[in-house]
Amino acid sequence: MTTVMVIFGLALVLGGAAFIVVAWRDRRRQPTPEDSAAAREAASTQERYAAERHGVQGDVWQRGQNSQG
């Protein structure tokens, strides 16, 4: 029974240490100019696709292809 508790305790300590190391490493990371440029480009692309989709849906509605009946 003691062996099981020791193994369980070691596993708990190792898991906690791994969590702390990863949290510390991620907190230390600073965003780079490339990160913000990529985020701006992604937002621009998403907005362009949304505008195109909106335009196509308007065209379909105006031609009457989306009528119910």
C-alpha atoms as a PDB file:
ATOM      1  CA  MET A   1       0.000   0.000   0.000  1.00  0.00           C
ATOM      2  CA  THR A   2       2.871   2.341   0.765  1.00  0.00           C
ATOM      3  CA  THR A   3       4.398   1.690  -2.662  1.00  0.00           C
ATOM      4  CA  VAL A   4       1.132   2.640  -4.380  1.00  0.00           C
ATOM      5  CA  MET A   5       0.950   5.882  -2.413  1.00  0.00           C
ATOM      6  CA  VAL A   6       4.581   6.741  -3.232  1.00  0.00           C
ATOM      7  CA  ILE A   7       4.005   6.102  -6.951  1.00  0.00           C
ATOM      8  CA  PHE A   8       0.802   8.141  -6.869  1.00  0.00           C
ATOM      9  CA  GLY A   9       2.579  10.980  -5.073  1.00  0.00           C
ATOM     10  CA  LEU A  10       5.437  10.984  -7.582  1.00  0.00           C
ATOM     11  CA  ALA A  11       3.014  11.035 -10.490  1.00  0.00           C
ATOM     12  CA  LEU A  12       1.156  13.950  -8.901  1.00  0.00           C
ATOM     13  CA  VAL A  13       4.391  15.891  -8.304  1.00  0.00           C
ATOM     14  CA  LEU A  14       5.634  15.256 -11.856  1.00  0.00           C
ATOM     15  CA  GLY A  15       2.301  16.308 -13.344  1.00  0.00           C
ATOM     16  CA  GLY A  16       2.269  19.489 -11.286  1.00  0.00           C
ATOM     17  CA  ALA A  17       5.866  20.283 -12.239  1.00  0.00           C
ATOM     18  CA  ALA A  18       5.073  19.786 -15.932  1.00  0.00           C
ATOM     19  CA  PHE A  19       2.069  22.111 -15.635  1.00  0.00           C
ATOM     20  CA  ILE A  20       4.157  24.802 -13.931  1.00  0.00           C
ATOM     21  CA  VAL A  21       6.954  24.571 -16.510  1.00  0.00           C
ATOM     22  CA  VAL A  22       4.539  24.902 -19.441  1.00  0.00           C
ATOM     23  CA  ALA A  23       2.672  27.805 -17.811  1.00  0.00           C
ATOM     24  CA  TRP A  24       5.949  29.605 -17.067  1.00  0.00           C
ATOM     25  CA  ARG A  25       7.245  29.055 -20.603  1.00  0.00           C
ATOM     26  CA  ASP A  26       4.031  30.343 -22.219  1.00  0.00           C
ATOM     27  CA  ARG A  27       3.891  33.403 -19.980  1.00  0.00           C
ATOM     28  CA  ARG A  28       7.441  34.320 -20.943  1.00  0.00           C
ATOM     29  CA  ARG A  29       6.685  34.248 -24.674  1.00  0.00           C
ATOM     30  CA  GLN A  30       6.143  37.715 -26.125  1.00  0.00           C
ATOM     31  CA  PRO A  31       4.236  38.286 -29.349  1.00  0.00           C
ATOM     32  CA  THR A  32       6.369  39.144 -32.345  1.00  0.00           C
ATOM     33  CA  PRO A  33       5.613  41.600 -35.145  1.00  0.00           C
ATOM     34  CA  GLU A  34       5.021  38.578 -37.385  1.00  0.00           C
ATOM     35  CA  ASP A  35       2.256  37.390 -35.038  1.00  0.00           C
ATOM     36  CA  SER A  36       0.361  40.671 -35.292  1.00  0.00           C
ATOM     37  CA  ALA A  37       0.882  40.847 -39.065  1.00  0.00           C
ATOM     38  CA  ALA A  38      -0.499  37.328 -39.442  1.00  0.00           C
ATOM     39  CA  ALA A  39      -3.491  38.205 -37.263  1.00  0.00           C
ATOM     40  CA  ARG A  40      -4.231  41.307 -39.364  1.00  0.00           C
ATOM     41  CA  GLU A  41      -3.956  39.298 -42.583  1.00  0.00           C
ATOM     42  CA  ALA A  42      -6.281  36.592 -41.247  1.00  0.00           C
ATOM     43  CA  ALA A  43      -8.867  39.172 -40.169  1.00  0.00           C
ATOM     44  CA  SER A  44      -8.652  40.857 -43.581  1.00  0.00           C
ATOM     45  CA  THR A  45      -9.149  37.548 -45.391  1.00  0.00           C
ATOM     46  CA  GLN A  46     -12.089  36.634 -43.169  1.00  0.00           C
ATOM     47  CA  GLU A  47     -13.762  39.995 -43.793  1.00  0.00           C
ATOM     48  CA  ARG A  48     -13.240  39.676 -47.555  1.00  0.00           C
ATOM     49  CA  TYR A  49     -14.817  36.195 -47.620  1.00  0.00           C
ATOM     50  CA  ALA A  50     -17.748  37.440 -45.536  1.00  0.00           C
ATOM     51  CA  ALA A  51     -18.301  40.362 -47.924  1.00  0.00           C
ATOM     52  CA  GLU A  52     -18.176  38.060 -50.951  1.00  0.00           C
ATOM     53  CA  ARG A  53     -20.610  35.640 -49.330  1.00  0.00           C
ATOM     54  CA  HIS A  54     -22.964  38.495 -48.455  1.00  0.00           C
ATOM     55  CA  GLY A  55     -22.833  39.783 -52.027  1.00  0.00           C
ATOM     56  CA  VAL A  56     -23.593  36.373 -53.528  1.00  0.00           C
ATOM     57  CA  GLN A  57     -26.533  35.855 -51.183  1.00  0.00           C
ATOM     58  CA  GLY A  58     -27.913  39.276 -52.174  1.00  0.00           C
ATOM     59  CA  ASP A  59     -27.593  38.435 -55.882  1.00  0.00           C
ATOM     60  CA  VAL A  60     -29.450  35.152 -55.432  1.00  0.00           C
ATOM     61  CA  TRP A  61     -32.253  36.836 -53.500  1.00  0.00           C
ATOM     62  CA  GLN A  62     -32.605  39.635 -56.088  1.00  0.00           C
ATOM     63  CA  ARG A  63     -32.922  37.139 -58.965  1.00  0.00           C
ATOM     64  CA  GLY A  64     -35.709  35.343 -57.129  1.00  0.00           C
ATOM     65  CA  GLN A  65     -33.884  32.029 -56.878  1.00  0.00           C
ATOM     66  CA  ASN A  66     -34.427  32.017 -53.137  1.00  0.00           C
ATOM     67  CA  SER A  67     -38.208  32.345 -53.317  1.00  0.00           C
ATOM     68  CA  GLN A  68     -40.360  29.984 -51.276  1.00  0.00           C
ATOM     69  CA  GLY A  69     -42.842  29.275 -53.801  1.00  0.00           C
END
